[in-house]
């Protein structure tokens, strides 16, 4: 069993540039080894695997948009594995493992992802500020209602008992001022 890494740069369905590395663990079909060597030579893997690897990667990646490569990575890996395994079998090469080892996007797409994350964070910040402002507004209304109710009670007490309540409040305020001095 030998490893082989295939690197390719290709476009997605939404025309984003993606760089992929695919690792293949392969071995020849032992009964067909003489045929492999006579038709393709001892470097059969170098002649076959890069070609079918690039072809399969480009064909599969072109079916998906850039975001799907992240969200559906398992599905896409499976599709690549099945397709490349079937193609290699035609050349009497058996693949024991196929894995995407590296996936990176072009600068424009990476910047777009970063900008989207910044915009989402800003949106969350604005939502928090709006919610906080709403809470402050509700608190101010409740406070104003409480003060209005207190004023009504004081007014009715003045009507009922005269100015004695106001005199008591003045004395309490004077006492508090004197204590602070």
Protein backbone atom coordinates (compact mmCIF):
# COMPACT_ATOMS: atom_id res chain seq x y z
CA UNK A 1 0.00 0.00 0.00
CA UNK A 2 1.47 3.35 -1.06
CA UNK A 3 0.28 6.90 -0.39
CA UNK A 4 -0.18 9.46 -3.13
CA UNK A 5 -1.14 13.12 -2.66
CA UNK A 6 -2.89 14.96 -5.45
CA UNK A 7 -3.11 18.76 -5.31
CA UNK A 8 -5.46 20.67 -7.53
CA UNK A 9 -6.99 24.11 -7.88
CA UNK A 10 -10.45 24.27 -9.38
CA UNK A 11 -13.65 26.29 -9.46
CA UNK A 12 -16.91 25.69 -7.63
CA UNK A 13 -20.39 26.02 -9.07
CA UNK A 14 -20.52 29.64 -7.86
CA UNK A 15 -17.12 30.30 -9.52
CA UNK A 16 -15.02 30.44 -6.35
CA UNK A 17 -11.46 29.16 -6.59
CA UNK A 18 -10.68 26.24 -4.27
CA UNK A 19 -7.38 24.47 -3.63
CA UNK A 20 -7.68 20.83 -2.56
CA UNK A 21 -5.28 18.11 -1.50
CA UNK A 22 -6.43 14.53 -1.83
CA UNK A 23 -4.55 11.63 -0.21
CA UNK A 24 -4.91 8.21 -1.80
CA UNK A 25 -3.71 4.96 -0.26
CA UNK A 26 -3.45 2.53 -3.15
CA UNK A 27 -2.08 -0.81 -4.24
CA UNK A 28 -2.09 -2.63 -7.55
CA UNK A 29 -4.44 -5.50 -8.22
CA UNK A 30 -1.85 -8.22 -7.65
CA UNK A 31 -3.11 -10.57 -10.35
CA UNK A 32 -2.97 -7.74 -12.89
CA UNK A 33 0.49 -6.45 -11.91
CA UNK A 34 2.28 -7.93 -14.97
CA UNK A 35 -0.35 -6.35 -17.24
CA UNK A 36 0.01 -3.01 -15.41
CA UNK A 37 3.77 -3.00 -15.84
CA UNK A 38 3.64 -4.03 -19.49
CA UNK A 39 0.98 -1.46 -20.49
CA UNK A 40 1.68 1.49 -18.17
CA UNK A 41 5.18 0.77 -16.87
CA UNK A 42 6.50 0.56 -13.33
CA UNK A 43 5.39 4.14 -12.64
CA UNK A 44 1.76 3.23 -13.39
CA UNK A 45 0.57 5.21 -10.36
CA UNK A 46 2.27 8.40 -11.59
CA UNK A 47 0.67 7.99 -15.00
CA UNK A 48 -2.88 7.19 -13.81
CA UNK A 49 -3.66 8.60 -10.37
CA UNK A 50 -2.89 12.32 -10.93
CA UNK A 51 -4.96 12.28 -14.10
CA UNK A 52 -8.06 10.59 -12.70
CA UNK A 53 -7.65 12.37 -9.36
CA UNK A 54 -7.69 15.83 -10.93
CA UNK A 55 -10.50 14.89 -13.26
CA UNK A 56 -12.72 13.56 -10.45
CA UNK A 57 -11.92 16.45 -8.09
CA UNK A 58 -12.75 19.06 -10.72
CA UNK A 59 -15.96 17.30 -11.77
CA UNK A 60 -17.27 16.82 -8.24
CA UNK A 61 -16.27 20.24 -6.89
CA UNK A 62 -17.90 21.95 -9.89
CA UNK A 63 -21.28 20.53 -8.79
CA UNK A 64 -21.25 22.38 -5.46
CA UNK A 65 -21.04 25.99 -4.36
CA UNK A 66 -18.18 27.06 -2.10
CA UNK A 67 -20.22 27.10 1.11
CA UNK A 68 -21.48 23.56 0.45
CA UNK A 69 -17.90 22.29 0.42
CA UNK A 70 -17.81 23.17 4.12
CA UNK A 71 -21.34 22.22 5.15
CA UNK A 72 -21.50 18.97 3.12
CA UNK A 73 -17.87 17.89 3.33
CA UNK A 74 -18.67 14.28 4.30
CA UNK A 75 -21.10 13.85 1.40
CA UNK A 76 -18.66 15.39 -1.08
CA UNK A 77 -15.76 13.27 0.25
CA UNK A 78 -17.87 10.15 -0.18
CA UNK A 79 -18.78 11.13 -3.75
CA UNK A 80 -15.11 11.76 -4.59
CA UNK A 81 -14.08 8.46 -2.94
CA UNK A 82 -16.68 6.41 -4.84
CA UNK A 83 -15.94 8.03 -8.18
CA UNK A 84 -12.15 7.85 -7.98
CA UNK A 85 -12.24 4.27 -6.64
CA UNK A 86 -14.38 3.18 -9.59
CA UNK A 87 -12.10 4.97 -12.07
CA UNK A 88 -8.91 3.50 -10.54
CA UNK A 89 -10.41 0.01 -10.64
CA UNK A 90 -10.54 0.27 -14.47
CA UNK A 91 -6.75 0.61 -14.36
CA UNK A 92 -6.35 -2.34 -11.93
CA UNK A 93 -5.46 -0.03 -9.05
CA UNK A 94 -7.23 -0.61 -5.74
CA UNK A 95 -7.76 2.32 -3.39
CA UNK A 96 -7.87 1.51 0.32
CA UNK A 97 -8.45 5.08 1.47
CA UNK A 98 -9.30 8.41 -0.11
CA UNK A 99 -9.37 11.57 2.00
CA UNK A 100 -9.46 15.32 1.48
CA UNK A 101 -6.53 16.50 3.58
CA UNK A 102 -6.58 20.19 2.71
CA UNK A 103 -9.23 22.63 1.50
CA UNK A 104 -8.68 26.36 1.08
CA UNK A 105 -10.50 29.13 -0.72
CA UNK A 106 -9.36 32.07 -2.78
CA UNK A 107 -8.71 35.39 -1.03
CA UNK A 108 -11.98 36.92 -2.24
CA UNK A 109 -14.13 34.18 -0.76
CA UNK A 110 -12.18 34.10 2.52
CA UNK A 111 -12.67 37.89 2.78
CA UNK A 112 -16.38 37.50 2.02
CA UNK A 113 -16.71 34.93 4.82
CA UNK A 114 -14.89 37.25 7.23
CA UNK A 115 -17.07 40.20 6.19
CA UNK A 116 -20.19 38.09 6.71
CA UNK A 117 -19.06 37.13 10.21
CA UNK A 118 -18.33 40.79 11.06
CA UNK A 119 -21.76 41.80 9.75
CA UNK A 120 -23.44 39.08 11.84
CA UNK A 121 -21.59 40.25 14.96
CA UNK A 122 -22.61 43.85 14.26
CA UNK A 123 -26.20 42.74 13.77
CA UNK A 124 -26.14 40.95 17.14
CA UNK A 125 -24.65 44.05 18.78
CA UNK A 126 -27.39 46.26 17.32
CA UNK A 127 -30.08 43.80 18.47
CA UNK A 128 -28.62 43.94 21.99
CA UNK A 129 -28.60 47.76 21.96
CA UNK A 130 -32.22 47.84 20.75
CA UNK A 131 -33.29 45.38 23.46
CA UNK A 132 -31.41 47.39 26.11
CA UNK A 133 -33.03 50.62 24.91
CA UNK A 134 -36.46 48.99 25.03
CA UNK A 135 -35.83 47.87 28.62
CA UNK A 136 -34.66 51.37 29.59
CA UNK A 137 -37.77 52.84 27.96
CA UNK A 138 -40.04 50.47 29.90
CA UNK A 139 -38.18 51.30 33.15
CA UNK A 140 -38.58 55.06 32.50
CA UNK A 141 -42.33 54.62 31.88
CA UNK A 142 -42.72 52.61 35.09
CA UNK A 143 -40.73 55.22 37.04
CA UNK A 144 -42.84 58.06 35.58
CA UNK A 145 -46.04 56.18 36.44
CA UNK A 146 -44.77 55.68 40.01
CA UNK A 147 -43.88 59.36 40.36
CA UNK A 148 -47.28 60.37 38.98
CA UNK A 149 -49.00 58.06 41.45
CA UNK A 150 -46.91 59.49 44.31
CA UNK A 151 -47.81 63.04 43.25
CA UNK A 152 -51.51 62.10 43.20
CA UNK A 153 -51.24 60.60 46.69
CA UNK A 154 -49.44 63.68 48.02
CA UNK A 155 -52.01 65.94 46.37
CA UNK A 156 -54.91 64.01 47.87
CA UNK A 157 -53.19 63.99 51.29
CA UNK A 158 -52.73 67.78 51.10
CA UNK A 159 -56.42 68.17 50.24
CA UNK A 160 -57.47 65.84 53.04
CA UNK A 161 -55.03 66.83 55.79
CA UNK A 162 -53.88 70.29 54.75
CA UNK A 163 -50.26 71.39 54.55
CA UNK A 164 -49.10 69.23 57.44
CA UNK A 165 -47.78 66.52 55.07
CA UNK A 166 -45.74 69.12 53.22
CA UNK A 167 -44.41 70.45 56.51
CA UNK A 168 -43.36 66.90 57.52
CA UNK A 169 -41.58 66.43 54.16
CA UNK A 170 -39.77 69.78 54.59
CA UNK A 171 -38.63 68.76 58.07
CA UNK A 172 -37.42 65.35 56.78
CA UNK A 173 -35.49 67.06 53.96
CA UNK A 174 -33.96 69.60 56.38
CA UNK A 175 -32.94 66.80 58.75
CA UNK A 176 -31.29 64.88 55.90
CA UNK A 177 -29.39 68.00 54.79
CA UNK A 178 -28.25 68.68 58.35
CA UNK A 179 -27.00 65.10 58.73
CA UNK A 180 -24.98 65.36 55.52
CA UNK A 181 -23.29 68.55 56.67
